[in-house]
PDB file of N, CA and C in Angstrom:
ATOM      1  N   MET A   1     -26.092  -8.322  15.942  1.00  0.00           N
ATOM      2  CA  MET A   1     -26.566  -8.930  14.582  1.00  0.00           C
ATOM      3  C   MET A   1     -28.157  -9.345  15.342  1.00  0.00           C
ATOM      4  N   ASN A   2     -28.992  -9.069  14.199  1.00  0.00           N
ATOM      5  CA  ASN A   2     -30.216  -9.701  14.665  1.00  0.00           C
ATOM      6  C   ASN A   2     -30.607 -10.898  13.820  1.00  0.00           C
ATOM      7  N   ILE A   3     -31.316 -11.526  14.019  1.00  0.00           N
ATOM      8  CA  ILE A   3     -32.053 -12.889  13.098  1.00  0.00           C
ATOM      9  C   ILE A   3     -31.902 -12.735  11.740  1.00  0.00           C
ATOM     10  N   ILE A   4     -33.046 -11.187  11.713  1.00  0.00           N
ATOM     11  CA  ILE A   4     -32.865 -11.376   9.864  1.00  0.00           C
ATOM     12  C   ILE A   4     -31.533 -11.046   9.323  1.00  0.00           C
ATOM     13  N   GLN A   5     -30.432 -10.483   9.759  1.00  0.00           N
ATOM     14  CA  GLN A   5     -29.208 -10.114   9.265  1.00  0.00           C
ATOM     15  C   GLN A   5     -28.727 -11.657   9.110  1.00  0.00           C
ATOM     16  N   ALA A   6     -28.677 -12.167  10.190  1.00  0.00           N
ATOM     17  CA  ALA A   6     -28.068 -13.500  10.255  1.00  0.00           C
ATOM     18  C   ALA A   6     -28.567 -14.743   9.227  1.00  0.00           C
ATOM     19  N   ILE A   7     -29.869 -14.311   8.841  1.00  0.00           N
ATOM     20  CA  ILE A   7     -30.508 -15.428   7.834  1.00  0.00           C
ATOM     21  C   ILE A   7     -30.011 -14.995   6.373  1.00  0.00           C
ATOM     22  N   ILE A   8     -29.777 -13.801   6.062  1.00  0.00           N
ATOM     23  CA  ILE A   8     -29.551 -12.905   5.112  1.00  0.00           C
ATOM     24  C   ILE A   8     -27.891 -13.321   4.958  1.00  0.00           C
ATOM     25  N   LEU A   9     -27.169 -13.372   5.799  1.00  0.00           N
ATOM     26  CA  LEU A   9     -25.716 -13.731   5.367  1.00  0.00           C
ATOM     27  C   LEU A   9     -25.586 -15.127   5.358  1.00  0.00           C
ATOM     28  N   GLY A  10     -26.575 -16.307   5.852  1.00  0.00           N
ATOM     29  CA  GLY A  10     -26.880 -17.818   5.731  1.00  0.00           C
ATOM     30  C   GLY A  10     -27.026 -18.050   4.350  1.00  0.00           C
ATOM     31  N   LEU A  11     -28.065 -17.104   4.038  1.00  0.00           N
ATOM     32  CA  LEU A  11     -28.875 -17.348   2.227  1.00  0.00           C
ATOM     33  C   LEU A  11     -28.042 -16.721   1.248  1.00  0.00           C
ATOM     34  N   ILE A  12     -26.970 -15.957   1.683  1.00  0.00           N
ATOM     35  CA  ILE A  12     -25.902 -15.516   1.033  1.00  0.00           C
ATOM     36  C   ILE A  12     -24.847 -16.736   1.050  1.00  0.00           C
ATOM     37  N   GLN A  13     -24.420 -17.457   2.065  1.00  0.00           N
ATOM     38  CA  GLN A  13     -23.171 -18.143   2.082  1.00  0.00           C
ATOM     39  C   GLN A  13     -23.753 -19.360   1.118  1.00  0.00           C
ATOM     40  N   GLY A  14     -25.411 -19.695   1.521  1.00  0.00           N
ATOM     41  CA  GLY A  14     -25.524 -20.960   1.119  1.00  0.00           C
ATOM     42  C   GLY A  14     -25.641 -20.836  -0.590  1.00  0.00           C
ATOM     43  N   LEU A  15     -26.062 -19.691  -0.986  1.00  0.00           N
ATOM     44  CA  LEU A  15     -26.158 -19.467  -2.412  1.00  0.00           C
ATOM     45  C   LEU A  15     -24.710 -19.331  -3.392  1.00  0.00           C
ATOM     46  N   THR A  16     -23.816 -18.288  -2.906  1.00  0.00           N
ATOM     47  CA  THR A  16     -22.730 -18.053  -3.462  1.00  0.00           C
ATOM     48  C   THR A  16     -21.756 -19.504  -3.178  1.00  0.00           C
ATOM     49  N   GLU A  17     -22.017 -20.498  -2.263  1.00  0.00           N
ATOM     50  CA  GLU A  17     -20.871 -21.699  -1.886  1.00  0.00           C
ATOM     51  C   GLU A  17     -19.953 -21.963  -3.429  1.00  0.00           C
ATOM     52  N   PHE A  18     -21.279 -22.518  -4.053  1.00  0.00           N
ATOM     53  CA  PHE A  18     -21.016 -23.402  -5.298  1.00  0.00           C
ATOM     54  C   PHE A  18     -20.589 -22.568  -6.604  1.00  0.00           C
ATOM     55  N   LEU A  19     -20.882 -21.425  -6.161  1.00  0.00           N
ATOM     56  CA  LEU A  19     -20.587 -20.281  -7.549  1.00  0.00           C
ATOM     57  C   LEU A  19     -19.191 -20.470  -7.618  1.00  0.00           C
ATOM     58  N   PRO A  20     -18.789 -20.268  -8.561  1.00  0.00           N
ATOM     59  CA  PRO A  20     -17.252 -20.049  -8.918  1.00  0.00           C
ATOM     60  C   PRO A  20     -16.824 -18.547  -8.678  1.00  0.00           C
ATOM     61  N   VAL A  21     -17.336 -18.068  -7.277  1.00  0.00           N
ATOM     62  CA  VAL A  21     -16.670 -16.460  -6.887  1.00  0.00           C
ATOM     63  C   VAL A  21     -16.353 -17.092  -5.157  1.00  0.00           C
ATOM     64  N   SER A  22     -16.186 -15.597  -4.938  1.00  0.00           N
ATOM     65  CA  SER A  22     -15.724 -16.334  -3.321  1.00  0.00           C
ATOM     66  C   SER A  22     -16.659 -16.029  -2.469  1.00  0.00           C
ATOM     67  N   SER A  23     -17.302 -16.854  -1.692  1.00  0.00           N
ATOM     68  CA  SER A  23     -18.474 -16.478  -0.954  1.00  0.00           C
ATOM     69  C   SER A  23     -17.986 -15.897   0.368  1.00  0.00           C
ATOM     70  N   SER A  24     -16.826 -15.802   0.671  1.00  0.00           N
ATOM     71  CA  SER A  24     -16.513 -15.183   2.074  1.00  0.00           C
ATOM     72  C   SER A  24     -16.089 -13.616   1.434  1.00  0.00           C
ATOM     73  N   GLY A  25     -15.752 -13.721   0.405  1.00  0.00           N
ATOM     74  CA  GLY A  25     -15.817 -11.799  -0.376  1.00  0.00           C
ATOM     75  C   GLY A  25     -17.446 -11.218  -0.029  1.00  0.00           C
ATOM     76  N   HIS A  26     -18.124 -12.502  -0.657  1.00  0.00           N
ATOM     77  CA  HIS A  26     -19.563 -11.464  -0.395  1.00  0.00           C
ATOM     78  C   HIS A  26     -20.091 -11.529   1.072  1.00  0.00           C
ATOM     79  N   LEU A  27     -19.638 -12.827   1.915  1.00  0.00           N
ATOM     80  CA  LEU A  27     -19.815 -12.305   3.155  1.00  0.00           C
ATOM     81  C   LEU A  27     -19.547 -11.057   3.886  1.00  0.00           C
ATOM     82  N   VAL A  28     -18.366 -10.600   3.500  1.00  0.00           N
ATOM     83  CA  VAL A  28     -17.637  -9.493   3.815  1.00  0.00           C
ATOM     84  C   VAL A  28     -18.345  -8.268   3.301  1.00  0.00           C
ATOM     85  N   LEU A  29     -18.898  -8.007   1.789  1.00  0.00           N
ATOM     86  CA  LEU A  29     -19.459  -7.103   1.467  1.00  0.00           C
ATOM     87  C   LEU A  29     -20.734  -6.786   1.637  1.00  0.00           C
ATOM     88  N   ALA A  30     -21.449  -8.251   2.097  1.00  0.00           N
ATOM     89  CA  ALA A  30     -22.990  -8.000   2.688  1.00  0.00           C
ATOM     90  C   ALA A  30     -23.019  -7.568   3.964  1.00  0.00           C
ATOM     91  N   GLY A  31     -21.905  -7.828   4.661  1.00  0.00           N
ATOM     92  CA  GLY A  31     -22.052  -8.056   6.366  1.00  0.00           C
ATOM     93  C   GLY A  31     -21.852  -6.089   6.211  1.00  0.00           C
ATOM     94  N   ALA A  32     -20.659  -5.665   5.712  1.00  0.00           N
ATOM     95  CA  ALA A  32     -20.451  -4.414   5.573  1.00  0.00           C
ATOM     96  C   ALA A  32     -21.909  -3.553   5.169  1.00  0.00           C
ATOM     97  N   LEU A  33     -22.582  -4.258   4.105  1.00  0.00           N
ATOM     98  CA  LEU A  33     -23.923  -3.268   4.092  1.00  0.00           C
ATOM     99  C   LEU A  33     -25.175  -3.358   4.918  1.00  0.00           C
ATOM    100  N   LEU A  34     -24.617  -4.620   5.399  1.00  0.00           N
ATOM    101  CA  LEU A  34     -26.154  -4.421   6.622  1.00  0.00           C
ATOM    102  C   LEU A  34     -25.451  -4.205   7.717  1.00  0.00           C
ATOM    103  N   GLY A  35     -24.312  -3.344   7.931  1.00  0.00           N
ATOM    104  CA  GLY A  35     -24.008  -2.821   9.015  1.00  0.00           C
ATOM    105  C   GLY A  35     -23.256  -3.506  10.215  1.00  0.00           C
ATOM    106  N   VAL A  36     -23.176  -5.392   9.744  1.00  0.00           N
ATOM    107  CA  VAL A  36     -22.613  -5.946  11.169  1.00  0.00           C
ATOM    108  C   VAL A  36     -21.515  -6.345  11.075  1.00  0.00           C
ATOM    109  N   ASN A  37     -20.608  -6.182   9.727  1.00  0.00           N
ATOM    110  CA  ASN A  37     -19.271  -6.341  10.209  1.00  0.00           C
ATOM    111  C   ASN A  37     -18.562  -4.889  10.675  1.00  0.00           C
ATOM    112  N   ALA A  38     -18.281  -5.543  11.790  1.00  0.00           N
ATOM    113  CA  ALA A  38     -18.000  -4.499  13.203  1.00  0.00           C
ATOM    114  C   ALA A  38     -16.139  -4.660  12.985  1.00  0.00           C
ATOM    115  N   GLY A  39     -15.526  -5.170  11.850  1.00  0.00           N
ATOM    116  CA  GLY A  39     -14.036  -4.995  12.016  1.00  0.00           C
ATOM    117  C   GLY A  39     -13.440  -6.339  11.927  1.00  0.00           C
ATOM    118  N   GLU A  40     -12.045  -6.580  12.062  1.00  0.00           N
ATOM    119  CA  GLU A  40     -11.625  -7.536  12.464  1.00  0.00           C
ATOM    120  C   GLU A  40     -11.117  -8.152  13.560  1.00  0.00           C
ATOM    121  N   GLY A  41     -11.485  -7.243  14.487  1.00  0.00           N
ATOM    122  CA  GLY A  41     -11.276  -7.291  16.011  1.00  0.00           C
ATOM    123  C   GLY A  41     -12.767  -8.210  16.678  1.00  0.00           C
ATOM    124  N   ASP A  42     -13.795  -8.278  15.474  1.00  0.00           N
ATOM    125  CA  ASP A  42     -14.943  -8.654  16.327  1.00  0.00           C
ATOM    126  C   ASP A  42     -14.663 -10.077  16.195  1.00  0.00           C
ATOM    127  N   ALA A  43     -14.598 -10.646  17.460  1.00  0.00           N
ATOM    128  CA  ALA A  43     -14.565 -12.098  17.464  1.00  0.00           C
ATOM    129  C   ALA A  43     -15.663 -12.963  17.130  1.00  0.00           C
ATOM    130  N   SER A  44     -16.928 -12.612  17.531  1.00  0.00           N
ATOM    131  CA  SER A  44     -18.284 -12.766  17.220  1.00  0.00           C
ATOM    132  C   SER A  44     -18.751 -12.962  16.210  1.00  0.00           C
ATOM    133  N   TYR A  45     -18.201 -12.269  15.335  1.00  0.00           N
ATOM    134  CA  TYR A  45     -18.369 -11.804  13.899  1.00  0.00           C
ATOM    135  C   TYR A  45     -17.847 -13.318  12.854  1.00  0.00           C
ATOM    136  N   VAL A  46     -16.736 -13.266  13.481  1.00  0.00           N
ATOM    137  CA  VAL A  46     -15.742 -13.923  12.752  1.00  0.00           C
ATOM    138  C   VAL A  46     -16.162 -15.555  12.999  1.00  0.00           C
ATOM    139  N   ALA A  47     -16.391 -15.743  14.452  1.00  0.00           N
ATOM    140  CA  ALA A  47     -16.747 -16.867  14.782  1.00  0.00           C
ATOM    141  C   ALA A  47     -18.431 -17.414  14.237  1.00  0.00           C
ATOM    142  N   PHE A  48     -19.022 -16.260  13.652  1.00  0.00           N
ATOM    143  CA  PHE A  48     -20.491 -16.656  13.111  1.00  0.00           C
ATOM    144  C   PHE A  48     -20.182 -16.837  11.607  1.00  0.00           C
ATOM    145  N   GLU A  49     -19.253 -15.809  10.906  1.00  0.00           N
ATOM    146  CA  GLU A  49     -18.321 -16.649   9.607  1.00  0.00           C
ATOM    147  C   GLU A  49     -18.167 -18.366   9.600  1.00  0.00           C
ATOM    148  N   VAL A  50     -17.100 -18.509  10.539  1.00  0.00           N
ATOM    149  CA  VAL A  50     -16.589 -19.598  10.689  1.00  0.00           C
ATOM    150  C   VAL A  50     -18.294 -20.603  10.834  1.00  0.00           C
ATOM    151  N   LEU A  51     -19.223 -20.461  11.300  1.00  0.00           N
ATOM    152  CA  LEU A  51     -19.716 -21.416  11.487  1.00  0.00           C
ATOM    153  C   LEU A  51     -20.722 -21.683  10.108  1.00  0.00           C
ATOM    154  N   LEU A  52     -20.810 -20.236   9.315  1.00  0.00           N
ATOM    155  CA  LEU A  52     -21.334 -20.812   8.068  1.00  0.00           C
ATOM    156  C   LEU A  52     -20.519 -21.644   7.230  1.00  0.00           C
ATOM    157  N   HIS A  53     -19.142 -20.993   7.224  1.00  0.00           N
ATOM    158  CA  HIS A  53     -18.334 -22.162   6.582  1.00  0.00           C
ATOM    159  C   HIS A  53     -18.713 -23.348   6.874  1.00  0.00           C
ATOM    160  N   LEU A  54     -18.791 -23.830   8.570  1.00  0.00           N
ATOM    161  CA  LEU A  54     -19.276 -25.035   8.692  1.00  0.00           C
ATOM    162  C   LEU A  54     -20.034 -25.921   8.235  1.00  0.00           C
ATOM    163  N   GLY A  55     -20.720 -25.056   8.464  1.00  0.00           N
ATOM    164  CA  GLY A  55     -22.465 -25.467   7.940  1.00  0.00           C
ATOM    165  C   GLY A  55     -22.270 -25.959   6.420  1.00  0.00           C
ATOM    166  N   SER A  56     -21.407 -25.149   5.679  1.00  0.00           N
ATOM    167  CA  SER A  56     -21.298 -25.352   4.235  1.00  0.00           C
ATOM    168  C   SER A  56     -20.392 -26.816   3.913  1.00  0.00           C
ATOM    169  N   LEU A  57     -19.323 -26.602   4.725  1.00  0.00           N
ATOM    170  CA  LEU A  57     -19.018 -28.243   4.876  1.00  0.00           C
ATOM    171  C   LEU A  57     -19.790 -28.863   5.365  1.00  0.00           C
ATOM    172  N   CYS A  58     -20.476 -29.144   6.150  1.00  0.00           N
ATOM    173  CA  CYS A  58     -21.243 -30.252   6.396  1.00  0.00           C
ATOM    174  C   CYS A  58     -22.408 -30.466   5.596  1.00  0.00           C
ATOM    175  N   ALA A  59     -23.024 -29.629   4.899  1.00  0.00           N
ATOM    176  CA  ALA A  59     -23.665 -29.607   3.737  1.00  0.00           C
ATOM    177  C   ALA A  59     -23.265 -30.707   2.446  1.00  0.00           C
ATOM    178  N   ILE A  60     -21.845 -30.232   2.190  1.00  0.00           N
ATOM    179  CA  ILE A  60     -21.156 -30.932   1.384  1.00  0.00           C
ATOM    180  C   ILE A  60     -20.858 -32.513   1.460  1.00  0.00           C
ATOM    181  N   ALA A  61     -20.416 -32.378   3.086  1.00  0.00           N
ATOM    182  CA  ALA A  61     -20.204 -33.979   3.104  1.00  0.00           C
ATOM    183  C   ALA A  61     -21.600 -34.711   3.348  1.00  0.00           C
ATOM    184  N   ILE A  62     -23.147 -34.322   3.696  1.00  0.00           N
ATOM    185  CA  ILE A  62     -24.118 -34.711   3.404  1.00  0.00           C
ATOM    186  C   ILE A  62     -24.151 -35.150   2.202  1.00  0.00           C
ATOM    187  N   VAL A  63     -24.472 -34.405   1.254  1.00  0.00           N
ATOM    188  CA  VAL A  63     -24.509 -34.653   0.255  1.00  0.00           C
ATOM    189  C   VAL A  63     -23.722 -35.509  -0.773  1.00  0.00           C
ATOM    190  N   PHE A  64     -22.441 -35.198  -0.498  1.00  0.00           N
ATOM    191  CA  PHE A  64     -21.386 -35.927  -1.539  1.00  0.00           C
ATOM    192  C   PHE A  64     -20.145 -37.282  -0.848  1.00  0.00           C
ATOM    193  N   GLY A  65     -21.025 -37.675   0.645  1.00  0.00           N
ATOM    194  CA  GLY A  65     -20.564 -38.017   1.615  1.00  0.00           C
ATOM    195  C   GLY A  65     -20.249 -39.581   0.982  1.00  0.00           C
ATOM    196  N   ARG A  66     -20.959 -40.248   0.429  1.00  0.00           N
ATOM    197  CA  ARG A  66     -20.882 -41.689  -0.408  1.00  0.00           C
ATOM    198  C   ARG A  66     -19.806 -41.777  -1.525  1.00  0.00           C
ATOM    199  N   ASP A  67     -19.832 -40.661  -2.305  1.00  0.00           N
ATOM    200  CA  ASP A  67     -19.322 -40.597  -3.441  1.00  0.00           C
ATOM    201  C   ASP A  67     -17.439 -40.236  -2.834  1.00  0.00           C
ATOM    202  N   ILE A  68     -17.135 -39.212  -1.734  1.00  0.00           N
ATOM    203  CA  ILE A  68     -15.665 -39.072  -1.255  1.00  0.00           C
ATOM    204  C   ILE A  68     -15.589 -40.412  -0.231  1.00  0.00           C
ATOM    205  N   LEU A  69     -16.456 -40.971   0.189  1.00  0.00           N
ATOM    206  CA  LEU A  69     -16.036 -42.565   0.510  1.00  0.00           C
ATOM    207  C   LEU A  69     -15.221 -43.707  -0.465  1.00  0.00           C
ATOM    208  N   LYS A  70     -15.906 -43.719  -1.656  1.00  0.00           N
ATOM    209  CA  LYS A  70     -15.788 -44.370  -2.741  1.00  0.00           C
ATOM    210  C   LYS A  70     -14.274 -43.803  -3.340  1.00  0.00           C
ATOM    211  N   LEU A  71     -14.012 -42.335  -3.435  1.00  0.00           N
ATOM    212  CA  LEU A  71     -12.747 -42.222  -3.544  1.00  0.00           C
ATOM    213  C   LEU A  71     -11.738 -42.587  -2.558  1.00  0.00           C
ATOM    214  N   ALA A  72     -12.135 -42.036  -1.552  1.00  0.00           N
ATOM    215  CA  ALA A  72     -10.874 -42.707  -0.530  1.00  0.00           C
ATOM    216  C   ALA A  72     -10.810 -43.903  -0.060  1.00  0.00           C
ATOM    217  N   PHE A  73     -11.734 -45.069  -0.229  1.00  0.00           N
ATOM    218  CA  PHE A  73     -11.515 -46.267  -0.353  1.00  0.00           C
ATOM    219  C   PHE A  73     -12.326 -47.000  -1.704  1.00  0.00           C
ATOM    220  N   PRO A  74     -11.526 -47.308  -2.715  1.00  0.00           N
ATOM    221  CA  PRO A  74     -12.036 -47.886  -3.319  1.00  0.00           C
ATOM    222  C   PRO A  74     -11.749 -49.443  -3.596  1.00  0.00           C
TER     223      PRO A  74
END
């Protein structure tokens, strides 16, 4: 996977995460179209997808962190 393909997949993850559609499904489809989805046995691609989802989780925690804390500790 080259840097352009990684950026495209990152943009797809970021744009589809908050839509009521599967961002994981879009990553699989885009990876297949870009030719980077080498199959289920490719550990490096799976690790990249996990990092994309972790990035989304971090962004959510940053944006909604105060609200989450208010709900957890009223």
